[in-house]
């Protein structure tokens, strides 16, 4: 029996064609919530960026943000958190404050950039996400970095701090602690709830969703996902703008 569903935001719940959550998605999620199935966001966004999304008419029981690095309940209580190890702080500080490449530093309650370049403007605009202020890294725990630029520049940064890099745009990549990912955040949450792997469904469309689609037996790739992402899922639904979520929930006999 399915007890919880985990949803990516961009391209899964939020259509960037209509700049809103499709009506069929809204009604479908409310229908399964009435059955007692828990709803959780699972996104690469920071919680401040989640607040920019109009989820009117929806309520989520849990949020997994920063690609699995921060797990909270609906009352903002931290269930699990996975920052970069403290021994990497000086390396991060050096790279960030040198400003040779555009980086966004993301803390639990703050996010800021070392410099804003064209790649950052273009990448964030494609997801309707405003860029934060420019500042210096002060040494606080960092949960995720976003690097903007060419792939070879990003790889140098990721390798320098022994991290994992996941592309979400041709010009930008999420850099997270080694071994991190949405699947890690989900696992931490369901373990705390006593829910088994086969009692959840994960939904996604981007490369940063591949880990969670592969890691659990019930997983859905949106029709608008790439072939690589689709190959990681147990089921491929229709496009987000073609009732993708509704059709997937029907496939799993939840509505």
Protein backbone atom coordinates (compact mmCIF):
# COMPACT_ATOMS: atom_id res chain seq x y z
CA UNK A 1 0.00 0.00 0.00
CA UNK A 2 1.32 3.43 -0.94
CA UNK A 3 1.72 5.69 2.08
CA UNK A 4 3.65 8.67 0.68
CA UNK A 5 4.42 10.38 -2.61
CA UNK A 6 7.48 12.54 -3.31
CA UNK A 7 7.35 15.23 -5.98
CA UNK A 8 9.99 17.28 -7.72
CA UNK A 9 8.75 20.82 -8.42
CA UNK A 10 10.05 22.23 -11.71
CA UNK A 11 8.74 20.30 -14.68
CA UNK A 12 6.90 17.86 -12.42
CA UNK A 13 4.45 19.89 -10.34
CA UNK A 14 5.17 23.34 -11.77
CA UNK A 15 4.66 23.81 -15.49
CA UNK A 16 6.93 26.46 -16.96
CA UNK A 17 4.59 26.61 -19.94
CA UNK A 18 1.63 27.93 -17.96
CA UNK A 19 3.73 29.08 -14.97
CA UNK A 20 1.45 27.23 -12.58
CA UNK A 21 0.49 23.84 -11.20
CA UNK A 22 -1.88 22.20 -13.74
CA UNK A 23 -5.47 21.89 -12.53
CA UNK A 24 -5.46 18.11 -12.99
CA UNK A 25 -2.38 17.88 -10.75
CA UNK A 26 -4.02 20.01 -8.07
CA UNK A 27 -7.19 17.92 -7.96
CA UNK A 28 -5.28 14.62 -8.09
CA UNK A 29 -2.99 15.48 -5.19
CA UNK A 30 -5.89 16.61 -3.05
CA UNK A 31 -7.69 13.36 -3.86
CA UNK A 32 -4.84 11.15 -2.65
CA UNK A 33 -4.24 13.36 0.39
CA UNK A 34 -7.87 12.75 1.43
CA UNK A 35 -7.02 9.04 1.40
CA UNK A 36 -4.32 9.65 4.01
CA UNK A 37 -1.35 9.47 1.65
CA UNK A 38 1.41 11.85 2.73
CA UNK A 39 2.61 14.45 0.23
CA UNK A 40 6.22 15.60 0.16
CA UNK A 41 8.13 18.04 -1.99
CA UNK A 42 11.54 16.84 -3.12
CA UNK A 43 13.39 19.63 -4.90
CA UNK A 44 16.76 21.17 -5.59
CA UNK A 45 15.35 24.54 -4.57
CA UNK A 46 15.98 26.31 -1.25
CA UNK A 47 12.89 26.72 0.93
CA UNK A 48 12.87 30.46 0.14
CA UNK A 49 12.65 29.59 -3.55
CA UNK A 50 9.85 27.12 -2.82
CA UNK A 51 7.90 29.98 -1.24
CA UNK A 52 7.92 31.73 -4.63
CA UNK A 53 5.84 28.92 -6.13
CA UNK A 54 2.06 29.31 -6.01
CA UNK A 55 0.85 26.14 -4.33
CA UNK A 56 -2.56 27.61 -3.50
CA UNK A 57 -4.99 24.80 -2.80
CA UNK A 58 -2.23 22.34 -1.88
CA UNK A 59 -0.61 21.47 1.42
CA UNK A 60 2.45 19.28 1.82
CA UNK A 61 3.30 17.21 4.88
CA UNK A 62 7.06 17.32 4.35
CA UNK A 63 9.65 19.14 2.29
CA UNK A 64 12.99 17.81 1.11
CA UNK A 65 14.99 20.70 -0.31
CA UNK A 66 18.51 21.31 -1.63
CA UNK A 67 18.57 17.98 -3.45
CA UNK A 68 18.01 15.95 -0.31
CA UNK A 69 20.29 17.89 2.01
CA UNK A 70 17.51 19.36 4.17
CA UNK A 71 14.44 17.45 5.39
CA UNK A 72 11.67 19.20 7.32
CA UNK A 73 8.07 18.66 8.35
CA UNK A 74 5.24 21.09 7.63
CA UNK A 75 5.98 22.95 10.88
CA UNK A 76 9.54 23.65 9.73
CA UNK A 77 11.08 21.18 12.18
CA UNK A 78 14.33 19.65 10.90
CA UNK A 79 14.13 15.87 10.55
CA UNK A 80 17.52 15.42 8.87
CA UNK A 81 20.23 17.72 7.52
CA UNK A 82 23.38 16.96 5.53
CA UNK A 83 25.78 19.92 5.15
CA UNK A 84 29.26 19.78 3.65
CA UNK A 85 31.80 18.43 6.17
CA UNK A 86 33.40 21.18 8.26
CA UNK A 87 36.86 20.29 6.96
CA UNK A 88 35.79 21.57 3.53
CA UNK A 89 34.72 25.01 4.74
CA UNK A 90 38.09 26.64 4.10
CA UNK A 91 38.23 25.23 0.55
CA UNK A 92 34.71 26.47 -0.12
CA UNK A 93 35.54 29.87 1.33
CA UNK A 94 38.65 30.22 -0.84
CA UNK A 95 36.88 29.26 -4.08
CA UNK A 96 33.81 31.35 -3.29
CA UNK A 97 35.63 34.51 -2.29
CA UNK A 98 38.13 34.38 -5.16
CA UNK A 99 35.17 35.00 -7.51
CA UNK A 100 36.81 33.26 -10.49
CA UNK A 101 33.55 31.43 -11.18
CA UNK A 102 29.95 32.39 -10.33
CA UNK A 103 28.74 30.47 -7.26
CA UNK A 104 25.66 30.54 -5.07
CA UNK A 105 26.23 29.47 -1.47
CA UNK A 106 23.20 27.96 0.24
CA UNK A 107 22.84 27.79 4.01
CA UNK A 108 19.80 26.55 5.92
CA UNK A 109 18.27 30.02 6.21
CA UNK A 110 20.18 32.07 3.66
CA UNK A 111 21.48 32.03 0.11
CA UNK A 112 23.78 34.47 -1.68
CA UNK A 113 26.22 34.72 -4.58
CA UNK A 114 29.86 35.68 -4.94
CA UNK A 115 29.26 37.30 -8.34
CA UNK A 116 26.45 37.36 -10.90
CA UNK A 117 27.29 36.49 -14.51
CA UNK A 118 25.23 36.03 -17.68
CA UNK A 119 24.97 32.28 -17.13
CA UNK A 120 23.38 32.82 -13.71
CA UNK A 121 20.88 35.31 -15.08
CA UNK A 122 19.86 33.03 -17.97
CA UNK A 123 19.69 29.83 -15.90
CA UNK A 124 17.57 31.24 -13.10
CA UNK A 125 15.30 33.12 -15.47
CA UNK A 126 14.50 29.85 -17.25
CA UNK A 127 12.95 28.60 -13.99
CA UNK A 128 11.55 31.99 -12.92
CA UNK A 129 13.82 31.99 -9.86
CA UNK A 130 15.14 35.40 -8.74
CA UNK A 131 18.86 35.69 -8.05
CA UNK A 132 19.90 36.48 -4.46
CA UNK A 133 22.21 39.25 -3.26
CA UNK A 134 25.98 39.25 -3.70
CA UNK A 135 27.96 38.62 -0.51
CA UNK A 136 31.03 36.86 0.92
CA UNK A 137 31.11 33.41 2.46
CA UNK A 138 31.39 33.68 6.23
CA UNK A 139 32.12 30.07 7.11
CA UNK A 140 28.63 28.89 8.09
CA UNK A 141 27.47 25.34 7.26
CA UNK A 142 26.79 25.03 3.52
CA UNK A 143 24.26 22.50 2.23
CA UNK A 144 24.56 23.15 -1.49
CA UNK A 145 26.48 25.25 -3.98
CA UNK A 146 25.21 26.22 -7.41
CA UNK A 147 27.87 26.87 -10.02
CA UNK A 148 27.14 28.79 -13.21
CA UNK A 149 29.26 28.49 -16.33
CA UNK A 150 30.89 26.01 -18.67
CA UNK A 151 31.05 22.34 -17.71
CA UNK A 152 34.84 22.29 -17.44
CA UNK A 153 34.76 25.23 -15.00
CA UNK A 154 32.12 23.54 -12.90
CA UNK A 155 33.99 20.24 -12.84
CA UNK A 156 37.08 21.97 -11.45
CA UNK A 157 35.02 23.40 -8.59
CA UNK A 158 33.26 20.11 -7.85
CA UNK A 159 36.52 18.13 -7.84
CA UNK A 160 38.26 20.71 -5.64
CA UNK A 161 35.82 20.15 -2.80
CA UNK A 162 35.26 16.41 -3.31
CA UNK A 163 31.55 16.70 -4.10
CA UNK A 164 28.84 15.43 -6.42
CA UNK A 165 27.58 17.61 -9.28
CA UNK A 166 24.13 17.39 -10.86
CA UNK A 167 23.17 19.50 -13.87
CA UNK A 168 19.72 21.12 -13.94
CA UNK A 169 20.41 23.53 -16.80
CA UNK A 170 23.02 23.73 -19.56
CA UNK A 171 24.61 26.66 -17.71
CA UNK A 172 24.23 25.61 -14.09
CA UNK A 173 24.87 22.71 -11.76
CA UNK A 174 24.03 21.82 -8.18
CA UNK A 175 27.09 20.84 -6.14
CA UNK A 176 26.25 18.76 -3.07
CA UNK A 177 28.19 16.75 -0.47
CA UNK A 178 29.64 13.46 -1.71
CA UNK A 179 27.05 10.69 -1.51
CA UNK A 180 24.18 13.15 -1.18
CA UNK A 181 21.04 13.36 -3.27
CA UNK A 182 17.28 13.32 -3.15
CA UNK A 183 17.26 9.59 -2.46
CA UNK A 184 19.28 10.16 0.73
CA UNK A 185 16.80 12.74 1.98
CA UNK A 186 13.84 10.50 1.17
CA UNK A 187 15.45 7.53 2.89
CA UNK A 188 16.07 9.59 6.03
CA UNK A 189 12.45 10.70 6.10
CA UNK A 190 10.77 7.35 5.47
CA UNK A 191 13.04 5.67 8.02
CA UNK A 192 11.90 8.22 10.60
CA UNK A 193 8.27 7.46 9.69
CA UNK A 194 8.64 3.69 9.58
CA UNK A 195 7.66 3.55 5.90
CA UNK A 196 9.16 0.93 3.58
CA UNK A 197 10.78 1.60 0.20
CA UNK A 198 7.92 -0.06 -1.70
CA UNK A 199 5.31 2.04 0.11
CA UNK A 200 6.25 5.28 -1.64
CA UNK A 201 6.24 6.70 -5.18
CA UNK A 202 8.77 9.24 -6.44
CA UNK A 203 8.03 11.66 -9.30
CA UNK A 204 10.59 13.64 -11.31
CA UNK A 205 11.76 14.94 -14.67
CA UNK A 206 15.36 16.19 -14.29
CA UNK A 207 18.83 14.72 -13.98
CA UNK A 208 18.85 15.52 -10.26
CA UNK A 209 15.85 13.17 -9.94
CA UNK A 210 17.63 10.12 -11.35
CA UNK A 211 18.91 8.97 -7.95
CA UNK A 212 15.48 8.92 -6.35
CA UNK A 213 13.87 7.35 -9.42
CA UNK A 214 16.42 4.52 -9.43
CA UNK A 215 16.48 3.96 -5.68
CA UNK A 216 12.83 3.09 -5.08
CA UNK A 217 10.71 0.44 -6.84
CA UNK A 218 7.78 2.75 -7.61
CA UNK A 219 9.00 5.76 -9.58
CA UNK A 220 7.54 8.01 -12.25
CA UNK A 221 9.34 10.01 -14.93
CA UNK A 222 7.36 12.78 -16.56
CA UNK A 223 6.75 12.63 -20.31
CA UNK A 224 8.71 15.86 -20.67
CA UNK A 225 11.82 14.26 -19.13
CA UNK A 226 14.87 13.28 -21.17
CA UNK A 227 15.40 9.68 -22.27
CA UNK A 228 18.13 9.35 -19.64
CA UNK A 229 15.71 10.29 -16.85
CA UNK A 230 12.96 8.10 -18.27
CA UNK A 231 15.27 5.10 -18.27
CA UNK A 232 15.71 5.47 -14.49
CA UNK A 233 12.00 5.21 -13.68
CA UNK A 234 9.71 2.21 -13.32
CA UNK A 235 6.93 4.06 -15.15
CA UNK A 236 6.86 6.91 -17.68
CA UNK A 237 3.75 9.09 -17.66
CA UNK A 238 2.59 11.79 -20.05
CA UNK A 239 3.86 15.37 -20.21
CA UNK A 240 3.26 17.65 -17.23
CA UNK A 241 0.90 19.70 -19.42
CA UNK A 242 -0.92 16.57 -20.58
CA UNK A 243 -2.20 15.45 -17.16
CA UNK A 244 1.05 13.65 -16.35
CA UNK A 245 0.59 13.43 -12.58
CA UNK A 246 -3.08 12.48 -12.85
CA UNK A 247 -2.33 9.72 -15.36
CA UNK A 248 0.47 8.32 -13.21
CA UNK A 249 -1.71 8.21 -10.10
CA UNK A 250 -4.36 6.40 -12.13
CA UNK A 251 -1.73 3.92 -13.29
CA UNK A 252 -0.91 3.11 -9.67
CA UNK A 253 -4.65 2.92 -8.85
CA UNK A 254 -4.45 5.75 -6.33
CA UNK A 255 -7.26 7.73 -7.98
